[in-house]
Amino acid sequence: MKSKPKTNRLRSPLNPQRRRLNNRLRQQQDKLPFSPRSEEDVQSLRQITEGVIFIAREPITMTKLVQYARLRNGKEARQLIEQLNKQYDQTNGAYRIEQVAGGYQLMSRPVFCSWLKRLEYTVAPQRFSKPSIETLAVIAYRQPVLRAEIEAIRGVGCGEVIRQLMERDLVRIAGRSEELGRPYLYATTRTFLGLFGLEAIEDLPTMKLPAPLEVPEAA
């Protein structure tokens, strides 16, 4: 008998139940009544929010932004970010606050990319071998995924490539499968999202992966 090809649906590495609970908690916090702030307080909070995002070495999550800037909740943080971006737009600023890798980061506008390259201020691009790119693509679109599934799609062993991707903090162990032997499940990381400029794994462009190779059963 031939094994039935598996569907190539995009699966989130996050637990859906946990994600729904977190969303409900954020919504409840955003609805809490607060006394209005003075314009002077709002201006001060905008500066603090901008400073926190500026000094963060990686995209800062909403939870940490609220904590470090001492804001009331995520709703207030989003309003301040919108106000800051509006200021940047009105003054033709060279940067904006963008959502990436599940957090917020101050990023230069694409139009200034060529100038930054001249000044050598850009981060050196990461280079990937063809096996690394193929393996990373399979993990990104099929996560959480077994090593056996990755190898079935690529048709070659992937153990060493997966190890290298984990060393670069692009792939992580997302748990264990319930299959015999409880093999590891692999998924991408926040570093992966940041590297490719994605806010969440759902923002990956649509791509159809080949079905796993069919292995005939022994007679």
N, C-alpha and C. Protein backbone atom coordinates (compact mmCIF):
# COMPACT_ATOMS: atom_id res chain seq x y z
N MET A 1 0.83 -1.20 0.00
CA MET A 1 0.00 0.00 0.00
C MET A 1 0.87 1.26 0.00
N LYS A 2 0.36 2.31 -0.63
CA LYS A 2 1.08 3.56 -0.66
C LYS A 2 0.58 4.47 0.46
N SER A 3 1.52 5.16 1.07
CA SER A 3 1.12 6.06 2.15
C SER A 3 0.37 7.25 1.57
N LYS A 4 -0.62 7.72 2.31
CA LYS A 4 -1.45 8.82 1.84
C LYS A 4 -0.72 10.14 2.00
N PRO A 5 -0.61 10.94 0.92
CA PRO A 5 0.10 12.22 1.03
C PRO A 5 -0.55 13.10 2.09
N LYS A 6 0.27 13.82 2.82
CA LYS A 6 -0.24 14.71 3.85
C LYS A 6 -0.51 16.08 3.26
N THR A 7 -1.48 16.77 3.83
CA THR A 7 -1.79 18.11 3.37
C THR A 7 -0.69 19.06 3.79
N ASN A 8 -0.57 20.17 3.06
CA ASN A 8 0.50 21.13 3.31
C ASN A 8 -0.05 22.39 3.97
N ARG A 9 -0.97 22.24 4.90
CA ARG A 9 -1.52 23.39 5.57
C ARG A 9 -0.52 24.01 6.53
N LEU A 10 -0.56 25.33 6.62
CA LEU A 10 0.32 26.04 7.54
C LEU A 10 -0.20 25.88 8.95
N ARG A 11 0.65 25.43 9.84
CA ARG A 11 0.24 25.24 11.23
C ARG A 11 1.07 26.13 12.13
N SER A 12 0.41 26.80 13.05
CA SER A 12 1.11 27.68 13.98
C SER A 12 1.76 26.87 15.07
N PRO A 13 3.00 27.24 15.48
CA PRO A 13 3.66 26.52 16.56
C PRO A 13 3.06 26.83 17.92
N LEU A 14 2.21 27.88 17.99
CA LEU A 14 1.61 28.24 19.26
C LEU A 14 0.37 27.42 19.52
N ASN A 15 0.13 27.12 20.78
CA ASN A 15 -1.06 26.39 21.17
C ASN A 15 -2.27 27.28 20.94
N PRO A 16 -3.26 26.88 20.11
CA PRO A 16 -4.41 27.74 19.82
C PRO A 16 -5.19 28.12 21.07
N GLN A 17 -5.35 27.19 22.00
CA GLN A 17 -6.09 27.48 23.22
C GLN A 17 -5.38 28.54 24.06
N ARG A 18 -4.06 28.41 24.15
CA ARG A 18 -3.28 29.39 24.89
C ARG A 18 -3.33 30.75 24.22
N ARG A 19 -3.29 30.77 22.88
CA ARG A 19 -3.35 32.03 22.15
C ARG A 19 -4.68 32.72 22.36
N ARG A 20 -5.78 31.95 22.36
CA ARG A 20 -7.10 32.54 22.58
C ARG A 20 -7.20 33.11 23.99
N LEU A 21 -6.63 32.40 24.97
CA LEU A 21 -6.66 32.87 26.35
C LEU A 21 -5.88 34.17 26.49
N ASN A 22 -4.71 34.24 25.87
CA ASN A 22 -3.90 35.47 25.92
C ASN A 22 -4.63 36.64 25.29
N ASN A 23 -5.33 36.38 24.17
CA ASN A 23 -6.08 37.44 23.50
C ASN A 23 -7.22 37.95 24.38
N ARG A 24 -7.90 37.02 25.07
CA ARG A 24 -9.00 37.43 25.95
C ARG A 24 -8.49 38.27 27.12
N LEU A 25 -7.33 37.88 27.67
CA LEU A 25 -6.75 38.64 28.77
C LEU A 25 -6.37 40.05 28.32
N ARG A 26 -5.80 40.16 27.12
CA ARG A 26 -5.43 41.48 26.61
C ARG A 26 -6.67 42.35 26.41
N GLN A 27 -7.74 41.75 25.86
CA GLN A 27 -8.97 42.50 25.64
C GLN A 27 -9.57 42.99 26.94
N GLN A 28 -9.54 42.14 27.97
CA GLN A 28 -10.06 42.54 29.27
C GLN A 28 -9.25 43.67 29.88
N GLN A 29 -7.92 43.58 29.74
CA GLN A 29 -7.06 44.63 30.27
C GLN A 29 -7.29 45.95 29.54
N ASP A 30 -7.49 45.87 28.22
CA ASP A 30 -7.69 47.08 27.43
C ASP A 30 -9.00 47.78 27.78
N LYS A 31 -9.96 47.06 28.33
CA LYS A 31 -11.27 47.64 28.66
C LYS A 31 -11.32 48.23 30.07
N LEU A 32 -10.25 48.05 30.85
CA LEU A 32 -10.25 48.58 32.21
C LEU A 32 -10.35 50.10 32.17
N PRO A 33 -11.21 50.70 33.03
CA PRO A 33 -11.36 52.16 33.04
C PRO A 33 -10.16 52.85 33.70
N PHE A 34 -9.69 53.92 33.07
CA PHE A 34 -8.60 54.71 33.63
C PHE A 34 -8.94 56.19 33.48
N SER A 35 -8.44 56.99 34.39
CA SER A 35 -8.62 58.43 34.28
C SER A 35 -7.77 58.94 33.12
N PRO A 36 -8.26 59.95 32.38
CA PRO A 36 -7.50 60.45 31.23
C PRO A 36 -6.18 61.07 31.65
N ARG A 37 -5.17 60.94 30.80
CA ARG A 37 -3.85 61.52 31.08
C ARG A 37 -3.80 62.94 30.52
N SER A 38 -2.97 63.75 31.11
CA SER A 38 -2.75 65.10 30.60
C SER A 38 -1.89 65.02 29.35
N GLU A 39 -1.94 66.06 28.52
CA GLU A 39 -1.14 66.09 27.29
C GLU A 39 0.35 66.01 27.61
N GLU A 40 0.73 66.62 28.73
CA GLU A 40 2.14 66.56 29.14
C GLU A 40 2.55 65.13 29.48
N ASP A 41 1.66 64.39 30.14
CA ASP A 41 1.95 62.99 30.47
C ASP A 41 2.04 62.14 29.21
N VAL A 42 1.13 62.39 28.27
CA VAL A 42 1.12 61.63 27.02
C VAL A 42 2.41 61.87 26.25
N GLN A 43 2.84 63.14 26.19
CA GLN A 43 4.09 63.47 25.49
C GLN A 43 5.27 62.77 26.14
N SER A 44 5.30 62.75 27.46
CA SER A 44 6.38 62.08 28.18
C SER A 44 6.38 60.59 27.90
N LEU A 45 5.19 59.98 27.88
CA LEU A 45 5.08 58.54 27.63
C LEU A 45 5.48 58.20 26.20
N ARG A 46 5.19 59.09 25.25
CA ARG A 46 5.63 58.86 23.87
C ARG A 46 7.14 58.80 23.80
N GLN A 47 7.79 59.71 24.49
CA GLN A 47 9.26 59.74 24.50
C GLN A 47 9.83 58.49 25.17
N ILE A 48 9.21 58.08 26.27
CA ILE A 48 9.68 56.89 26.97
C ILE A 48 9.49 55.65 26.10
N THR A 49 8.31 55.55 25.47
CA THR A 49 8.02 54.41 24.59
C THR A 49 9.01 54.35 23.44
N GLU A 50 9.28 55.50 22.84
CA GLU A 50 10.24 55.57 21.74
C GLU A 50 11.62 55.14 22.21
N GLY A 51 12.01 55.60 23.40
CA GLY A 51 13.33 55.26 23.93
C GLY A 51 13.47 53.78 24.22
N VAL A 52 12.43 53.17 24.78
CA VAL A 52 12.47 51.74 25.09
C VAL A 52 12.62 50.92 23.81
N ILE A 53 11.84 51.28 22.79
CA ILE A 53 11.91 50.55 21.52
C ILE A 53 13.27 50.78 20.85
N PHE A 54 13.79 51.99 20.98
CA PHE A 54 15.06 52.34 20.33
C PHE A 54 16.23 51.53 20.90
N ILE A 55 16.28 51.37 22.22
CA ILE A 55 17.43 50.70 22.82
C ILE A 55 17.31 49.18 22.81
N ALA A 56 16.12 48.66 22.50
CA ALA A 56 15.94 47.21 22.45
C ALA A 56 16.77 46.63 21.31
N ARG A 57 17.53 45.59 21.59
CA ARG A 57 18.39 44.99 20.57
C ARG A 57 17.63 44.10 19.60
N GLU A 58 16.43 43.74 19.98
CA GLU A 58 15.58 42.90 19.13
C GLU A 58 14.15 43.37 19.29
N PRO A 59 13.23 42.92 18.42
CA PRO A 59 11.84 43.34 18.56
C PRO A 59 11.32 43.11 19.98
N ILE A 60 10.76 44.13 20.58
CA ILE A 60 10.27 44.04 21.95
C ILE A 60 8.79 43.70 21.95
N THR A 61 8.40 42.74 22.74
CA THR A 61 7.01 42.30 22.79
C THR A 61 6.15 43.37 23.45
N MET A 62 4.83 43.29 23.20
CA MET A 62 3.91 44.24 23.80
C MET A 62 3.95 44.16 25.32
N THR A 63 4.04 42.94 25.85
CA THR A 63 4.08 42.76 27.31
C THR A 63 5.27 43.48 27.92
N LYS A 64 6.45 43.31 27.32
CA LYS A 64 7.66 43.94 27.85
C LYS A 64 7.62 45.45 27.66
N LEU A 65 7.06 45.90 26.54
CA LEU A 65 6.96 47.34 26.30
C LEU A 65 6.10 48.01 27.36
N VAL A 66 4.96 47.39 27.66
CA VAL A 66 4.07 47.92 28.70
C VAL A 66 4.79 47.94 30.05
N GLN A 67 5.53 46.88 30.31
CA GLN A 67 6.24 46.76 31.59
C GLN A 67 7.35 47.80 31.72
N TYR A 68 8.22 47.90 30.71
CA TYR A 68 9.38 48.78 30.81
C TYR A 68 9.01 50.25 30.70
N ALA A 69 8.02 50.57 29.88
CA ALA A 69 7.59 51.97 29.73
C ALA A 69 6.56 52.37 30.78
N ARG A 70 6.16 51.39 31.60
CA ARG A 70 5.17 51.61 32.67
C ARG A 70 3.87 52.19 32.13
N LEU A 71 3.37 51.51 31.11
CA LEU A 71 2.11 51.92 30.50
C LEU A 71 0.96 51.17 31.15
N ARG A 72 -0.26 51.60 30.88
CA ARG A 72 -1.43 50.98 31.51
C ARG A 72 -1.74 49.61 30.92
N ASN A 73 -1.69 49.53 29.61
CA ASN A 73 -2.02 48.28 28.93
C ASN A 73 -1.56 48.34 27.48
N GLY A 74 -1.86 47.26 26.75
CA GLY A 74 -1.46 47.19 25.36
C GLY A 74 -2.15 48.22 24.49
N LYS A 75 -3.39 48.56 24.84
CA LYS A 75 -4.13 49.55 24.06
C LYS A 75 -3.42 50.89 24.09
N GLU A 76 -2.97 51.29 25.27
CA GLU A 76 -2.26 52.56 25.39
C GLU A 76 -0.94 52.51 24.62
N ALA A 77 -0.24 51.37 24.69
CA ALA A 77 1.01 51.22 23.96
C ALA A 77 0.79 51.36 22.46
N ARG A 78 -0.25 50.72 21.93
CA ARG A 78 -0.54 50.81 20.49
C ARG A 78 -0.88 52.24 20.09
N GLN A 79 -1.63 52.94 20.94
CA GLN A 79 -1.98 54.33 20.63
C GLN A 79 -0.73 55.21 20.57
N LEU A 80 0.18 55.01 21.51
CA LEU A 80 1.42 55.79 21.52
C LEU A 80 2.28 55.50 20.29
N ILE A 81 2.33 54.22 19.89
CA ILE A 81 3.09 53.84 18.69
C ILE A 81 2.48 54.48 17.45
N GLU A 82 1.15 54.48 17.36
CA GLU A 82 0.47 55.12 16.23
C GLU A 82 0.78 56.62 16.18
N GLN A 83 0.79 57.26 17.35
CA GLN A 83 1.10 58.69 17.42
C GLN A 83 2.54 58.95 16.99
N LEU A 84 3.46 58.10 17.43
CA LEU A 84 4.86 58.26 17.04
C LEU A 84 5.04 58.10 15.54
N ASN A 85 4.41 57.07 14.97
CA ASN A 85 4.53 56.86 13.52
C ASN A 85 3.91 58.01 12.74
N LYS A 86 2.84 58.59 13.29
CA LYS A 86 2.22 59.74 12.64
C LYS A 86 3.19 60.92 12.64
N GLN A 87 3.89 61.10 13.76
CA GLN A 87 4.90 62.16 13.83
C GLN A 87 6.01 61.93 12.81
N TYR A 88 6.48 60.68 12.72
CA TYR A 88 7.54 60.36 11.76
C TYR A 88 7.09 60.65 10.33
N ASP A 89 5.83 60.32 10.02
CA ASP A 89 5.31 60.55 8.67
C ASP A 89 5.20 62.04 8.37
N GLN A 90 4.71 62.81 9.35
CA GLN A 90 4.51 64.24 9.15
C GLN A 90 5.83 64.99 8.98
N THR A 91 6.87 64.48 9.61
CA THR A 91 8.19 65.15 9.53
C THR A 91 9.12 64.47 8.53
N ASN A 92 8.56 63.54 7.73
CA ASN A 92 9.37 62.78 6.77
C ASN A 92 10.56 62.11 7.45
N GLY A 93 10.30 61.50 8.58
CA GLY A 93 11.34 60.84 9.34
C GLY A 93 11.97 59.68 8.58
N ALA A 94 13.17 59.34 8.96
CA ALA A 94 13.90 58.28 8.26
C ALA A 94 13.54 56.89 8.77
N TYR A 95 12.70 56.81 9.76
CA TYR A 95 12.37 55.51 10.34
C TYR A 95 10.92 55.45 10.79
N ARG A 96 10.48 54.25 11.10
CA ARG A 96 9.14 54.00 11.63
C ARG A 96 9.23 52.85 12.63
N ILE A 97 8.20 52.73 13.47
CA ILE A 97 8.11 51.59 14.37
C ILE A 97 7.27 50.53 13.66
N GLU A 98 7.85 49.37 13.43
CA GLU A 98 7.18 48.31 12.70
C GLU A 98 6.99 47.09 13.59
N GLN A 99 5.95 46.31 13.28
CA GLN A 99 5.72 45.05 13.96
C GLN A 99 6.50 43.96 13.23
N VAL A 100 7.33 43.26 13.97
CA VAL A 100 8.13 42.18 13.38
C VAL A 100 8.46 41.17 14.46
N ALA A 101 8.42 39.90 14.09
CA ALA A 101 8.78 38.80 15.00
C ALA A 101 8.01 38.84 16.31
N GLY A 102 6.73 39.20 16.25
CA GLY A 102 5.91 39.21 17.45
C GLY A 102 6.19 40.38 18.37
N GLY A 103 6.88 41.41 17.89
CA GLY A 103 7.18 42.56 18.73
C GLY A 103 7.26 43.83 17.90
N TYR A 104 7.86 44.87 18.48
CA TYR A 104 7.98 46.17 17.81
C TYR A 104 9.45 46.57 17.72
N GLN A 105 9.80 47.17 16.59
CA GLN A 105 11.20 47.55 16.36
C GLN A 105 11.25 48.83 15.54
N LEU A 106 12.21 49.70 15.89
CA LEU A 106 12.42 50.93 15.13
C LEU A 106 13.26 50.58 13.91
N MET A 107 12.71 50.82 12.72
CA MET A 107 13.39 50.40 11.49
C MET A 107 13.48 51.56 10.51
N SER A 108 14.60 51.64 9.81
CA SER A 108 14.78 52.68 8.79
C SER A 108 13.88 52.38 7.60
N ARG A 109 13.47 53.43 6.92
CA ARG A 109 12.61 53.25 5.74
C ARG A 109 13.43 52.66 4.59
N PRO A 110 12.79 51.84 3.76
CA PRO A 110 13.50 51.19 2.65
C PRO A 110 14.21 52.17 1.72
N VAL A 111 13.67 53.39 1.59
CA VAL A 111 14.24 54.36 0.66
C VAL A 111 15.67 54.74 1.05
N PHE A 112 16.03 54.55 2.32
CA PHE A 112 17.37 54.92 2.78
C PHE A 112 18.34 53.74 2.81
N CYS A 113 17.90 52.61 2.30
CA CYS A 113 18.73 51.40 2.35
C CYS A 113 20.07 51.60 1.65
N SER A 114 20.05 52.22 0.47
CA SER A 114 21.30 52.40 -0.29
C SER A 114 22.30 53.28 0.47
N TRP A 115 21.79 54.28 1.18
CA TRP A 115 22.68 55.15 1.95
C TRP A 115 23.28 54.42 3.15
N LEU A 116 22.48 53.60 3.79
CA LEU A 116 22.99 52.84 4.93
C LEU A 116 24.07 51.86 4.48
N LYS A 117 23.90 51.31 3.29
CA LYS A 117 24.92 50.39 2.77
C LYS A 117 26.23 51.11 2.53
N ARG A 118 26.15 52.35 2.06
CA ARG A 118 27.37 53.12 1.83
C ARG A 118 28.10 53.38 3.14
N LEU A 119 27.34 53.59 4.19
CA LEU A 119 27.93 53.86 5.51
C LEU A 119 28.29 52.59 6.25
N GLU A 120 27.96 51.45 5.63
CA GLU A 120 28.24 50.14 6.22
C GLU A 120 27.56 49.97 7.58
N TYR A 121 26.31 50.52 7.66
CA TYR A 121 25.55 50.41 8.89
C TYR A 121 24.56 49.25 8.86
N THR A 122 24.48 48.59 7.73
CA THR A 122 23.53 47.49 7.63
C THR A 122 24.15 46.22 8.19
N VAL A 123 23.29 45.34 8.68
CA VAL A 123 23.75 44.06 9.21
C VAL A 123 24.16 43.16 8.06
N ALA A 124 25.27 42.49 8.20
CA ALA A 124 25.74 41.60 7.14
C ALA A 124 24.70 40.50 6.89
N PRO A 125 24.32 40.29 5.63
CA PRO A 125 23.30 39.28 5.35
C PRO A 125 23.79 37.88 5.69
N GLN A 126 22.86 37.08 6.21
CA GLN A 126 23.20 35.70 6.51
C GLN A 126 23.18 34.89 5.22
N ARG A 127 24.12 34.01 5.08
CA ARG A 127 24.19 33.19 3.88
C ARG A 127 23.75 31.77 4.21
N PHE A 128 22.99 31.20 3.30
CA PHE A 128 22.46 29.86 3.50
C PHE A 128 22.80 28.98 2.31
N SER A 129 23.11 27.74 2.61
CA SER A 129 23.31 26.76 1.54
C SER A 129 21.94 26.34 1.03
N LYS A 130 21.91 25.72 -0.14
CA LYS A 130 20.65 25.25 -0.70
C LYS A 130 19.96 24.25 0.23
N PRO A 131 20.68 23.26 0.81
CA PRO A 131 20.03 22.34 1.75
C PRO A 131 19.43 23.05 2.96
N SER A 132 20.12 24.10 3.45
CA SER A 132 19.61 24.84 4.60
C SER A 132 18.32 25.58 4.26
N ILE A 133 18.30 26.22 3.10
CA ILE A 133 17.10 26.95 2.67
C ILE A 133 15.93 25.99 2.51
N GLU A 134 16.17 24.86 1.87
CA GLU A 134 15.09 23.89 1.63
C GLU A 134 14.56 23.34 2.96
N THR A 135 15.47 22.99 3.86
CA THR A 135 15.06 22.45 5.15
C THR A 135 14.30 23.49 5.96
N LEU A 136 14.79 24.72 5.96
CA LEU A 136 14.14 25.80 6.70
C LEU A 136 12.74 26.08 6.15
N ALA A 137 12.59 26.00 4.83
CA ALA A 137 11.28 26.21 4.22
C ALA A 137 10.29 25.14 4.63
N VAL A 138 10.74 23.88 4.64
CA VAL A 138 9.85 22.78 5.04
C VAL A 138 9.41 22.96 6.49
N ILE A 139 10.35 23.29 7.37
CA ILE A 139 10.02 23.47 8.78
C ILE A 139 9.06 24.65 8.96
N ALA A 140 9.32 25.75 8.25
CA ALA A 140 8.49 26.94 8.39
C ALA A 140 7.04 26.68 7.98
N TYR A 141 6.86 25.95 6.88
CA TYR A 141 5.51 25.75 6.35
C TYR A 141 4.80 24.53 6.93
N ARG A 142 5.54 23.61 7.53
CA ARG A 142 4.91 22.39 8.05
C ARG A 142 4.95 22.30 9.58
N GLN A 143 5.50 23.28 10.26
CA GLN A 143 5.70 23.19 11.70
C GLN A 143 4.39 23.05 12.49
N PRO A 144 4.45 22.35 13.61
CA PRO A 144 5.57 21.55 14.10
C PRO A 144 5.71 20.28 13.28
N VAL A 145 6.94 19.92 12.92
CA VAL A 145 7.16 18.85 11.96
C VAL A 145 8.24 17.89 12.45
N LEU A 146 8.08 16.63 12.11
CA LEU A 146 9.06 15.60 12.47
C LEU A 146 10.24 15.63 11.50
N ARG A 147 11.38 15.22 11.98
CA ARG A 147 12.55 15.10 11.10
C ARG A 147 12.25 14.12 9.97
N ALA A 148 11.53 13.05 10.27
CA ALA A 148 11.19 12.06 9.24
C ALA A 148 10.36 12.69 8.13
N GLU A 149 9.45 13.60 8.47
CA GLU A 149 8.63 14.28 7.46
C GLU A 149 9.50 15.19 6.60
N ILE A 150 10.44 15.89 7.24
CA ILE A 150 11.33 16.78 6.49
C ILE A 150 12.15 15.97 5.49
N GLU A 151 12.69 14.86 5.94
CA GLU A 151 13.52 14.02 5.08
C GLU A 151 12.69 13.35 3.99
N ALA A 152 11.42 13.06 4.29
CA ALA A 152 10.55 12.46 3.27
C ALA A 152 10.25 13.46 2.16
N ILE A 153 10.13 14.73 2.51
CA ILE A 153 9.86 15.77 1.51
C ILE A 153 11.11 16.08 0.69
N ARG A 154 12.25 16.19 1.37
CA ARG A 154 13.50 16.53 0.67
C ARG A 154 14.14 15.33 0.00
N GLY A 155 13.88 14.14 0.52
CA GLY A 155 14.44 12.94 -0.08
C GLY A 155 15.86 12.62 0.35
N VAL A 156 16.37 13.36 1.34
CA VAL A 156 17.73 13.12 1.85
C VAL A 156 17.73 13.31 3.37
N GLY A 157 18.79 12.83 4.03
CA GLY A 157 18.92 13.03 5.46
C GLY A 157 19.12 14.50 5.81
N CYS A 158 18.55 14.94 6.93
CA CYS A 158 18.60 16.36 7.28
C CYS A 158 19.12 16.62 8.69
N GLY A 159 19.61 15.58 9.36
CA GLY A 159 20.03 15.73 10.74
C GLY A 159 21.06 16.82 10.96
N GLU A 160 22.11 16.85 10.14
CA GLU A 160 23.17 17.83 10.30
C GLU A 160 22.69 19.23 9.96
N VAL A 161 21.85 19.34 8.93
CA VAL A 161 21.33 20.66 8.54
C VAL A 161 20.45 21.23 9.64
N ILE A 162 19.60 20.39 10.24
CA ILE A 162 18.74 20.84 11.34
C ILE A 162 19.59 21.32 12.51
N ARG A 163 20.64 20.58 12.80
CA ARG A 163 21.52 20.96 13.91
C ARG A 163 22.14 22.34 13.66
N GLN A 164 22.58 22.59 12.43
CA GLN A 164 23.18 23.88 12.09
C GLN A 164 22.16 25.01 12.21
N LEU A 165 20.93 24.75 11.79
CA LEU A 165 19.88 25.77 11.89
C LEU A 165 19.53 26.07 13.35
N MET A 166 19.60 25.04 14.19
CA MET A 166 19.36 25.24 15.62
C MET A 166 20.49 26.06 16.24
N GLU A 167 21.71 25.84 15.81
CA GLU A 167 22.86 26.61 16.32
C GLU A 167 22.73 28.08 15.95
N ARG A 168 22.08 28.36 14.83
CA ARG A 168 21.88 29.74 14.40
C ARG A 168 20.60 30.33 14.97
N ASP A 169 19.95 29.59 15.86
CA ASP A 169 18.72 30.02 16.55
C ASP A 169 17.59 30.32 15.56
N LEU A 170 17.53 29.55 14.49
CA LEU A 170 16.44 29.70 13.52
C LEU A 170 15.41 28.59 13.67
N VAL A 171 15.82 27.49 14.26
CA VAL A 171 14.94 26.33 14.46
C VAL A 171 15.05 25.90 15.92
N ARG A 172 13.93 25.46 16.47
CA ARG A 172 13.89 25.01 17.86
C ARG A 172 13.13 23.70 17.97
N ILE A 173 13.31 23.01 19.08
CA ILE A 173 12.51 21.83 19.38
C ILE A 173 11.19 22.30 19.98
N ALA A 174 10.09 21.94 19.35
CA ALA A 174 8.78 22.42 19.76
C ALA A 174 8.01 21.41 20.60
N GLY A 175 8.63 20.29 20.90
CA GLY A 175 7.95 19.26 21.69
C GLY A 175 8.25 17.88 21.14
N ARG A 176 7.45 16.93 21.56
CA ARG A 176 7.60 15.55 21.09
C ARG A 176 6.30 15.06 20.48
N SER A 177 6.45 14.20 19.48
CA SER A 177 5.29 13.60 18.84
C SER A 177 4.76 12.46 19.69
N GLU A 178 3.50 12.12 19.48
CA GLU A 178 2.90 10.98 20.18
C GLU A 178 3.19 9.67 19.47
N GLU A 179 3.93 9.74 18.36
CA GLU A 179 4.26 8.52 17.62
C GLU A 179 5.24 7.65 18.40
N LEU A 180 5.44 6.44 17.92
CA LEU A 180 6.33 5.49 18.57
C LEU A 180 7.73 6.08 18.73
N GLY A 181 8.26 6.02 19.94
CA GLY A 181 9.58 6.58 20.20
C GLY A 181 9.55 8.05 20.57
N ARG A 182 8.40 8.68 20.42
CA ARG A 182 8.22 10.10 20.75
C ARG A 182 9.33 10.98 20.18
N PRO A 183 9.47 11.00 18.86
CA PRO A 183 10.52 11.82 18.24
C PRO A 183 10.24 13.31 18.40
N TYR A 184 11.28 14.11 18.24
CA TYR A 184 11.16 15.56 18.40
C TYR A 184 10.34 16.18 17.26
N LEU A 185 9.66 17.26 17.60
CA LEU A 185 8.98 18.10 16.62
C LEU A 185 9.78 19.40 16.50
N TYR A 186 9.91 19.89 15.28
CA TYR A 186 10.72 21.09 15.05
C TYR A 186 9.85 22.25 14.55
N ALA A 187 10.23 23.47 14.95
CA ALA A 187 9.52 24.67 14.54
C ALA A 187 10.53 25.81 14.43
N THR A 188 10.09 26.93 13.85
CA THR A 188 10.96 28.09 13.71
C THR A 188 10.93 28.94 14.99
N THR A 189 11.82 29.91 15.06
CA THR A 189 11.97 30.75 16.25
C THR A 189 11.62 32.21 15.95
N ARG A 190 11.65 33.05 16.99
CA ARG A 190 11.45 34.48 16.79
C ARG A 190 12.59 35.07 15.98
N THR A 191 13.78 34.50 16.12
CA THR A 191 14.92 34.96 15.32
C THR A 191 14.63 34.77 13.83
N PHE A 192 13.99 33.66 13.49
CA PHE A 192 13.59 33.40 12.10
C PHE A 192 12.64 34.49 11.62
N LEU A 193 11.64 34.82 12.44
CA LEU A 193 10.67 35.85 12.06
C LEU A 193 11.37 37.18 11.83
N GLY A 194 12.26 37.55 12.76
CA GLY A 194 12.97 38.81 12.62
C GLY A 194 13.86 38.86 11.40
N LEU A 195 14.53 37.75 11.09
CA LEU A 195 15.43 37.69 9.95
C LEU A 195 14.69 37.92 8.64
N PHE A 196 13.47 37.38 8.55
CA PHE A 196 12.70 37.50 7.31
C PHE A 196 11.63 38.59 7.38
N GLY A 197 11.68 39.42 8.43
CA GLY A 197 10.77 40.56 8.53
C GLY A 197 9.31 40.19 8.67
N LEU A 198 9.03 39.14 9.41
CA LEU A 198 7.65 38.68 9.60
C LEU A 198 7.18 38.99 11.01
N GLU A 199 5.90 39.37 11.12
CA GLU A 199 5.33 39.59 12.45
C GLU A 199 4.96 38.26 13.09
N ALA A 200 4.42 37.36 12.29
CA ALA A 200 4.02 36.04 12.78
C ALA A 200 4.21 35.03 11.66
N ILE A 201 4.22 33.75 12.02
CA ILE A 201 4.45 32.71 11.03
C ILE A 201 3.34 32.68 9.98
N GLU A 202 2.14 33.16 10.37
CA GLU A 202 1.02 33.21 9.42
C GLU A 202 1.26 34.19 8.28
N ASP A 203 2.25 35.08 8.43
CA ASP A 203 2.55 36.07 7.39
C ASP A 203 3.43 35.53 6.28
N LEU A 204 3.82 34.27 6.37
CA LEU A 204 4.60 33.66 5.29
C LEU A 204 3.81 33.69 3.99
N PRO A 205 4.46 33.97 2.87
CA PRO A 205 3.74 33.94 1.59
C PRO A 205 3.27 32.52 1.28
N THR A 206 2.17 32.44 0.55
CA THR A 206 1.62 31.14 0.21
C THR A 206 2.59 30.36 -0.67
N MET A 207 2.80 29.11 -0.31
CA MET A 207 3.69 28.26 -1.08
C MET A 207 3.23 26.82 -0.96
N LYS A 208 3.22 26.10 -2.05
CA LYS A 208 2.81 24.70 -2.04
C LYS A 208 4.06 23.82 -1.99
N LEU A 209 4.17 23.05 -0.93
CA LEU A 209 5.31 22.13 -0.78
C LEU A 209 5.01 20.80 -1.46
N PRO A 210 6.03 20.13 -1.94
CA PRO A 210 5.81 18.80 -2.51
C PRO A 210 5.38 17.83 -1.42
N ALA A 211 4.58 16.85 -1.81
CA ALA A 211 4.16 15.83 -0.85
C ALA A 211 5.34 14.94 -0.49
N PRO A 212 5.34 14.37 0.71
CA PRO A 212 6.42 13.45 1.09
C PRO A 212 6.55 12.31 0.10
N LEU A 213 7.76 11.83 -0.10
CA LEU A 213 7.98 10.71 -1.01
C LEU A 213 7.25 9.48 -0.50
N GLU A 214 6.65 8.75 -1.40
CA GLU A 214 5.92 7.54 -1.02
C GLU A 214 6.88 6.37 -0.95
N VAL A 215 6.89 5.72 0.16
CA VAL A 215 7.77 4.57 0.36
C VAL A 215 6.94 3.30 0.34
N PRO A 216 7.15 2.42 -0.65
CA PRO A 216 6.35 1.19 -0.71
C PRO A 216 6.65 0.28 0.47
N GLU A 217 5.60 -0.38 0.96
CA GLU A 217 5.77 -1.30 2.08
C GLU A 217 6.47 -2.57 1.63
N ALA A 218 7.22 -3.13 2.54
CA ALA A 218 7.92 -4.37 2.22
C ALA A 218 6.93 -5.50 2.02
N ALA A 219 7.24 -6.39 1.06
CA ALA A 219 6.33 -7.50 0.78
C ALA A 219 6.32 -8.47 1.94
